[in-house]
N, C-alpha and C. Protein backbone atom coordinates (compact mmCIF):
# COMPACT_ATOMS: atom_id res chain seq x y z
N UNK A 1 77.26 46.10 161.11
CA UNK A 1 77.92 46.39 159.85
C UNK A 1 77.26 45.58 158.74
N UNK A 2 76.97 46.24 157.64
CA UNK A 2 76.30 45.59 156.51
C UNK A 2 77.26 44.66 155.77
N UNK A 3 76.69 43.63 155.18
CA UNK A 3 77.46 42.76 154.30
C UNK A 3 77.59 43.44 152.95
N UNK A 4 78.72 43.23 152.31
CA UNK A 4 78.98 43.81 150.99
C UNK A 4 79.25 42.74 149.96
N UNK A 5 78.84 43.03 148.73
CA UNK A 5 79.13 42.17 147.59
C UNK A 5 80.08 42.93 146.68
N UNK A 6 81.22 42.35 146.36
CA UNK A 6 82.21 42.99 145.48
C UNK A 6 81.69 42.98 144.05
N UNK A 7 81.53 44.16 143.49
CA UNK A 7 81.09 44.29 142.10
C UNK A 7 82.28 44.32 141.15
N UNK A 8 83.35 44.99 141.59
CA UNK A 8 84.56 45.09 140.76
C UNK A 8 85.70 45.56 141.66
N UNK A 9 86.92 45.33 141.20
CA UNK A 9 88.05 45.80 141.97
C UNK A 9 89.37 45.38 141.37
N UNK A 10 90.41 46.14 141.75
CA UNK A 10 91.78 45.80 141.41
C UNK A 10 92.63 46.19 142.61
N UNK A 11 93.89 46.41 142.46
CA UNK A 11 94.75 46.70 143.60
C UNK A 11 94.47 48.03 144.28
N UNK A 12 93.93 49.00 143.57
CA UNK A 12 93.73 50.34 144.14
C UNK A 12 92.26 50.72 144.30
N UNK A 13 91.40 50.23 143.43
CA UNK A 13 90.00 50.61 143.43
C UNK A 13 89.11 49.42 143.71
N UNK A 14 88.03 49.63 144.49
CA UNK A 14 87.02 48.59 144.67
C UNK A 14 85.64 49.24 144.62
N UNK A 15 84.68 48.47 144.14
CA UNK A 15 83.29 48.88 144.11
C UNK A 15 82.49 47.76 144.74
N UNK A 16 81.81 48.08 145.84
CA UNK A 16 81.02 47.10 146.57
C UNK A 16 79.58 47.58 146.67
N UNK A 17 78.64 46.63 146.67
CA UNK A 17 77.24 46.92 146.92
C UNK A 17 76.93 46.42 148.32
N UNK A 18 76.45 47.33 149.14
CA UNK A 18 76.12 47.02 150.53
C UNK A 18 74.68 46.51 150.59
N UNK A 19 74.40 45.64 151.57
CA UNK A 19 73.05 45.10 151.69
C UNK A 19 72.03 46.19 152.04
N UNK A 20 72.49 47.35 152.53
CA UNK A 20 71.59 48.47 152.81
C UNK A 20 71.28 49.27 151.55
N UNK A 21 71.93 48.91 150.41
CA UNK A 21 71.64 49.55 149.14
C UNK A 21 72.68 50.56 148.69
N UNK A 22 73.61 50.93 149.56
CA UNK A 22 74.64 51.90 149.19
C UNK A 22 75.72 51.24 148.35
N UNK A 23 76.29 52.03 147.46
CA UNK A 23 77.45 51.60 146.68
C UNK A 23 78.68 52.21 147.35
N UNK A 24 79.65 51.37 147.68
CA UNK A 24 80.89 51.83 148.31
C UNK A 24 81.98 51.86 147.24
N UNK A 25 82.45 53.04 146.92
CA UNK A 25 83.53 53.23 145.96
C UNK A 25 84.78 53.56 146.76
N UNK A 26 85.75 52.65 146.77
CA UNK A 26 86.96 52.84 147.56
C UNK A 26 88.14 53.09 146.63
N UNK A 27 88.85 54.19 146.94
CA UNK A 27 90.07 54.56 146.21
C UNK A 27 91.17 54.68 147.27
N UNK A 28 92.06 53.71 147.30
CA UNK A 28 93.09 53.73 148.34
C UNK A 28 92.45 53.63 149.71
N UNK A 29 92.70 54.65 150.55
CA UNK A 29 92.17 54.66 151.91
C UNK A 29 90.88 55.47 152.04
N UNK A 30 90.32 55.92 150.93
CA UNK A 30 89.11 56.75 150.94
C UNK A 30 87.94 55.99 150.36
N UNK A 31 86.81 55.99 151.07
CA UNK A 31 85.60 55.34 150.60
C UNK A 31 84.47 56.34 150.49
N UNK A 32 83.80 56.34 149.35
CA UNK A 32 82.60 57.13 149.15
C UNK A 32 81.40 56.20 149.23
N UNK A 33 80.41 56.57 150.03
CA UNK A 33 79.16 55.81 150.09
C UNK A 33 78.15 56.57 149.25
N UNK A 34 77.67 55.94 148.19
CA UNK A 34 76.80 56.61 147.24
C UNK A 34 75.48 55.86 147.09
N UNK A 35 74.42 56.62 146.87
CA UNK A 35 73.17 56.01 146.45
C UNK A 35 73.39 55.45 145.05
N UNK A 36 72.71 54.39 144.69
CA UNK A 36 72.90 53.83 143.34
C UNK A 36 72.71 54.87 142.23
N UNK A 37 71.75 55.77 142.38
CA UNK A 37 71.54 56.80 141.35
C UNK A 37 72.74 57.74 141.26
N UNK A 38 73.34 58.09 142.39
CA UNK A 38 74.53 58.95 142.38
C UNK A 38 75.72 58.21 141.78
N UNK A 39 75.84 56.92 142.07
CA UNK A 39 76.92 56.11 141.49
C UNK A 39 76.77 56.04 139.98
N UNK A 40 75.55 55.87 139.50
CA UNK A 40 75.32 55.83 138.05
C UNK A 40 75.70 57.16 137.41
N UNK A 41 75.33 58.27 138.05
CA UNK A 41 75.69 59.60 137.53
C UNK A 41 77.20 59.78 137.49
N UNK A 42 77.89 59.35 138.56
CA UNK A 42 79.35 59.45 138.60
C UNK A 42 79.98 58.59 137.51
N UNK A 43 79.48 57.36 137.33
CA UNK A 43 80.01 56.48 136.29
C UNK A 43 79.82 57.11 134.91
N UNK A 44 78.67 57.72 134.68
CA UNK A 44 78.41 58.37 133.40
C UNK A 44 79.37 59.54 133.20
N UNK A 45 79.56 60.35 134.24
CA UNK A 45 80.46 61.49 134.15
C UNK A 45 81.90 61.06 133.89
N UNK A 46 82.35 60.01 134.57
CA UNK A 46 83.70 59.49 134.34
C UNK A 46 83.85 58.96 132.92
N UNK A 47 82.82 58.30 132.42
CA UNK A 47 82.86 57.79 131.06
C UNK A 47 82.94 58.94 130.05
N UNK A 48 82.18 60.00 130.28
CA UNK A 48 82.23 61.15 129.39
C UNK A 48 83.61 61.79 129.38
N UNK A 49 84.23 61.90 130.55
CA UNK A 49 85.58 62.44 130.64
C UNK A 49 86.60 61.54 129.94
N UNK A 50 86.43 60.24 130.08
CA UNK A 50 87.33 59.29 129.45
C UNK A 50 87.26 59.39 127.93
N UNK A 51 86.07 59.58 127.40
CA UNK A 51 85.90 59.70 125.96
C UNK A 51 86.59 60.94 125.40
N UNK A 52 86.72 61.99 126.22
CA UNK A 52 87.34 63.23 125.78
C UNK A 52 88.84 63.30 126.09
N UNK A 53 89.33 62.33 126.82
CA UNK A 53 90.74 62.31 127.19
C UNK A 53 91.59 61.91 125.99
N UNK A 54 92.63 62.69 125.68
CA UNK A 54 93.50 62.30 124.56
C UNK A 54 94.16 60.95 124.84
N UNK A 55 94.45 60.19 123.78
CA UNK A 55 95.09 58.89 123.97
C UNK A 55 96.49 59.03 124.57
N UNK A 56 96.90 58.04 125.30
CA UNK A 56 98.24 58.01 125.90
C UNK A 56 98.18 58.19 127.40
N UNK A 57 99.19 57.68 128.07
CA UNK A 57 99.23 57.73 129.53
C UNK A 57 100.08 58.88 130.05
N UNK A 58 100.84 59.52 129.19
CA UNK A 58 101.79 60.53 129.67
C UNK A 58 101.36 61.93 129.28
N UNK A 59 100.20 62.33 129.76
CA UNK A 59 99.71 63.67 129.47
C UNK A 59 100.45 64.70 130.31
N UNK A 60 100.75 65.83 129.73
CA UNK A 60 101.41 66.92 130.44
C UNK A 60 100.37 67.99 130.76
N UNK A 61 100.26 68.35 132.02
CA UNK A 61 99.32 69.39 132.44
C UNK A 61 100.04 70.72 132.42
N UNK A 62 99.41 71.70 131.87
CA UNK A 62 100.01 73.05 131.79
C UNK A 62 99.24 74.00 132.66
């Protein structure tokens, strides 16, 4: 098993860098193993979505 370095995390989400080079993105009980380039693309996509999200936490989906 590879050693991991915690890059970021809170109670629900963690981001670890594995010594084999993979980025482990864990959400609850689910972990995605991503190449660094795929992780960067995902981070960019999430940022773009966040910029377009209306302000407020109580959005209603229709």
